[in-house]
Amino acid sequence: MKLILRLVRTAIRSAGVLAEILSLLRERNVLSSKVVWLDSTEVAKRLNVTERTLYTYKNQGLLKPHRIGKRDYYIESEVFPLR
């Protein structure tokens, strides 16, 4: 019974995060265009820097993450002018 309750809570949380993502996408009107979202790990790997360096870039205003749930995501086209 506890397992079922835990699974239901997880499903509800996941649905909430997905609804938040959808809301953000609608807000930014990007559903119709091809926007590639990257998480911090992927951005760090592609820029060949550490995740700590990404944090510094974020604090300096060089990168603007989009908070979805508890994670930061970046739009690929906003990240790669840094190269």
Protein backbone atom coordinates (compact mmCIF):
# COMPACT_ATOMS: atom_id res chain seq x y z
CA MET A 1 0.00 0.00 0.00
CA LYS A 2 2.86 2.39 0.87
CA LEU A 3 4.49 1.64 -2.49
CA ILE A 4 1.29 2.49 -4.36
CA LEU A 5 0.94 5.78 -2.46
CA ARG A 6 4.57 6.63 -3.20
CA LEU A 7 4.05 5.86 -6.90
CA VAL A 8 0.90 8.01 -7.01
CA ARG A 9 2.72 10.94 -5.34
CA THR A 10 5.60 10.61 -7.82
CA ALA A 11 3.18 10.55 -10.75
CA ILE A 12 1.41 13.65 -9.44
CA ARG A 13 4.73 15.49 -9.01
CA SER A 14 5.79 14.47 -12.53
CA ALA A 15 2.50 15.70 -13.95
CA GLY A 16 3.04 19.00 -12.17
CA VAL A 17 6.53 19.42 -13.62
CA LEU A 18 5.26 18.55 -17.11
CA ALA A 19 2.44 21.05 -16.76
CA GLU A 20 4.96 23.69 -15.71
CA ILE A 21 7.15 22.91 -18.74
CA LEU A 22 4.15 23.14 -21.05
CA SER A 23 3.12 26.42 -19.48
CA LEU A 24 6.61 27.87 -19.94
CA LEU A 25 6.71 26.73 -23.54
CA ARG A 26 3.33 28.27 -24.28
CA GLU A 27 4.41 31.47 -22.52
CA ARG A 28 7.51 31.76 -24.65
CA ASN A 29 5.65 30.71 -27.80
CA VAL A 30 8.27 28.10 -28.65
CA LEU A 31 6.04 25.12 -29.24
CA SER A 32 5.80 25.89 -32.93
CA SER A 33 9.53 26.52 -33.44
CA LYS A 34 12.35 24.05 -33.07
CA VAL A 35 13.97 24.97 -29.77
CA VAL A 36 16.54 22.64 -28.28
CA TRP A 37 16.61 22.59 -24.48
CA LEU A 38 19.81 21.49 -22.71
CA ASP A 39 20.43 20.73 -19.07
CA SER A 40 23.46 22.04 -17.17
CA THR A 41 25.48 18.87 -17.68
CA GLU A 42 25.00 18.94 -21.45
CA VAL A 43 25.85 22.66 -21.70
CA ALA A 44 29.00 22.20 -19.63
CA LYS A 45 30.06 19.28 -21.79
CA ARG A 46 29.43 21.15 -25.05
CA LEU A 47 31.22 24.30 -23.85
CA ASN A 48 34.03 22.18 -22.39
CA VAL A 49 33.74 23.80 -18.95
CA THR A 50 32.80 22.53 -15.51
CA GLU A 51 29.32 22.87 -14.05
CA ARG A 52 30.85 25.24 -11.48
CA THR A 53 31.95 27.50 -14.35
CA LEU A 54 28.35 27.47 -15.65
CA TYR A 55 27.24 28.62 -12.21
CA THR A 56 29.73 31.50 -12.46
CA TYR A 57 28.45 32.40 -15.94
CA LYS A 58 24.91 32.38 -14.57
CA ASN A 59 25.87 34.70 -11.68
CA GLN A 60 27.69 37.07 -14.06
CA GLY A 61 24.66 37.21 -16.34
CA LEU A 62 26.42 35.54 -19.29
CA LEU A 63 23.90 32.68 -19.31
CA LYS A 64 20.21 32.85 -18.49
CA PRO A 65 18.86 29.51 -17.33
CA HIS A 66 15.17 28.69 -17.39
CA ARG A 67 14.11 27.08 -14.13
CA ILE A 68 11.84 24.09 -14.68
CA GLY A 69 11.02 22.23 -11.52
CA LYS A 70 14.24 22.18 -9.54
CA ARG A 71 16.58 22.13 -12.54
CA ASP A 72 18.08 24.71 -14.84
CA TYR A 73 17.67 24.33 -18.58
CA TYR A 74 19.20 26.40 -21.33
CA ILE A 75 18.04 27.13 -24.85
CA GLU A 76 20.76 25.98 -27.24
CA SER A 77 20.62 29.13 -29.38
CA GLU A 78 21.18 31.31 -26.28
CA VAL A 79 24.18 29.28 -25.12
CA PHE A 80 26.33 28.87 -28.19
CA PRO A 81 27.04 32.49 -29.02
CA LEU A 82 29.48 32.10 -26.06
CA ARG A 83 31.80 29.94 -28.15
